[in-house]
């Protein structure tokens, strides 16, 4: 039953970006904004 319980989580992680991906993208976006400000 354990593997069956985890399968929806695995499917969701494939469909939705993980929190790490969201954090990484927002940090990259912030860095780009900072670079644009300096130019």
N, C-alpha and C. Protein backbone atom coordinates (compact mmCIF):
# COMPACT_ATOMS: atom_id res chain seq x y z
N UNK A 1 0.82 -1.21 0.00
CA UNK A 1 0.00 0.00 0.00
C UNK A 1 0.86 1.26 0.00
N UNK A 2 2.05 1.17 0.54
CA UNK A 2 2.89 2.37 0.63
C UNK A 2 3.18 2.98 -0.72
N UNK A 3 3.57 2.14 -1.70
CA UNK A 3 3.90 2.65 -3.03
C UNK A 3 2.66 3.24 -3.69
N UNK A 4 1.52 2.60 -3.45
CA UNK A 4 0.27 3.11 -4.05
C UNK A 4 -0.08 4.48 -3.47
N UNK A 5 0.17 4.67 -2.18
CA UNK A 5 -0.13 5.96 -1.56
C UNK A 5 0.78 7.06 -2.11
N UNK A 6 2.02 6.71 -2.47
CA UNK A 6 2.95 7.73 -2.93
C UNK A 6 2.74 8.10 -4.40
N UNK A 7 2.10 7.21 -5.17
CA UNK A 7 2.01 7.47 -6.61
C UNK A 7 1.32 8.80 -6.96
N UNK A 8 0.24 9.22 -6.30
CA UNK A 8 -0.33 10.53 -6.64
C UNK A 8 0.65 11.68 -6.43
N UNK A 9 1.48 11.56 -5.40
CA UNK A 9 2.48 12.60 -5.13
C UNK A 9 3.48 12.66 -6.29
N UNK A 10 3.91 11.49 -6.76
CA UNK A 10 4.86 11.45 -7.87
C UNK A 10 4.23 12.07 -9.12
N UNK A 11 2.96 11.75 -9.37
CA UNK A 11 2.28 12.32 -10.53
C UNK A 11 2.18 13.84 -10.40
N UNK A 12 1.84 14.31 -9.22
CA UNK A 12 1.73 15.76 -9.00
C UNK A 12 3.07 16.44 -9.22
N UNK A 13 4.16 15.80 -8.73
CA UNK A 13 5.47 16.43 -8.89
C UNK A 13 5.88 16.49 -10.36
N UNK A 14 5.40 15.53 -11.17
CA UNK A 14 5.69 15.59 -12.60
C UNK A 14 4.91 16.71 -13.27
N UNK A 15 3.68 16.94 -12.82
CA UNK A 15 2.83 17.96 -13.45
C UNK A 15 3.20 19.35 -12.93
N UNK A 16 3.26 19.49 -11.61
CA UNK A 16 3.53 20.79 -11.01
C UNK A 16 5.02 20.96 -10.77
N UNK A 17 5.54 22.19 -10.94
CA UNK A 17 6.94 22.41 -10.59
C UNK A 17 7.15 22.24 -9.09
N UNK A 18 8.29 21.70 -8.71
CA UNK A 18 8.57 21.53 -7.30
C UNK A 18 8.87 22.88 -6.66
N UNK A 19 8.86 22.93 -5.35
CA UNK A 19 9.15 24.19 -4.66
C UNK A 19 10.55 24.68 -4.99
N UNK A 20 11.51 23.74 -5.11
CA UNK A 20 12.86 24.14 -5.45
C UNK A 20 12.92 24.82 -6.80
N UNK A 21 12.15 24.30 -7.78
CA UNK A 21 12.14 24.92 -9.11
C UNK A 21 11.53 26.31 -9.04
N UNK A 22 10.46 26.47 -8.27
CA UNK A 22 9.83 27.78 -8.13
C UNK A 22 10.81 28.77 -7.50
N UNK A 23 11.50 28.33 -6.44
CA UNK A 23 12.47 29.20 -5.77
C UNK A 23 13.60 29.58 -6.72
N UNK A 24 14.10 28.58 -7.45
CA UNK A 24 15.21 28.84 -8.37
C UNK A 24 14.79 29.84 -9.45
N UNK A 25 13.59 29.66 -10.00
CA UNK A 25 13.13 30.56 -11.05
C UNK A 25 12.94 31.97 -10.51
N UNK A 26 12.38 32.11 -9.31
CA UNK A 26 12.17 33.45 -8.76
C UNK A 26 13.51 34.12 -8.44
N UNK A 27 14.51 33.33 -7.99
CA UNK A 27 15.82 33.90 -7.73
C UNK A 27 16.49 34.35 -9.02
N UNK A 28 16.35 33.54 -10.08
CA UNK A 28 16.92 33.93 -11.38
C UNK A 28 16.24 35.21 -11.86
N UNK A 29 14.93 35.28 -11.74
CA UNK A 29 14.17 36.47 -12.17
C UNK A 29 14.64 37.69 -11.40
N UNK A 30 14.85 37.54 -10.09
CA UNK A 30 15.32 38.65 -9.26
C UNK A 30 16.71 39.09 -9.70
N UNK A 31 17.61 38.13 -9.97
CA UNK A 31 18.95 38.46 -10.42
C UNK A 31 18.92 39.23 -11.72
N UNK A 32 18.06 38.81 -12.65
CA UNK A 32 17.95 39.50 -13.94
C UNK A 32 17.48 40.94 -13.72
N UNK A 33 16.51 41.14 -12.84
CA UNK A 33 16.02 42.49 -12.56
C UNK A 33 17.14 43.35 -11.99
N UNK A 34 17.96 42.77 -11.10
CA UNK A 34 19.07 43.52 -10.52
C UNK A 34 20.08 43.91 -11.59
N UNK A 35 20.37 42.99 -12.50
CA UNK A 35 21.32 43.28 -13.58
C UNK A 35 20.79 44.40 -14.46
N UNK A 36 19.49 44.35 -14.77
CA UNK A 36 18.88 45.38 -15.62
C UNK A 36 18.97 46.74 -14.91
N UNK A 37 18.75 46.76 -13.61
CA UNK A 37 18.83 48.04 -12.86
C UNK A 37 20.22 48.65 -12.97
N UNK A 38 21.27 47.79 -12.90
CA UNK A 38 22.64 48.31 -12.90
C UNK A 38 23.06 48.85 -14.26
N UNK A 39 22.46 48.35 -15.32
CA UNK A 39 22.91 48.78 -16.65
C UNK A 39 22.40 50.16 -17.00
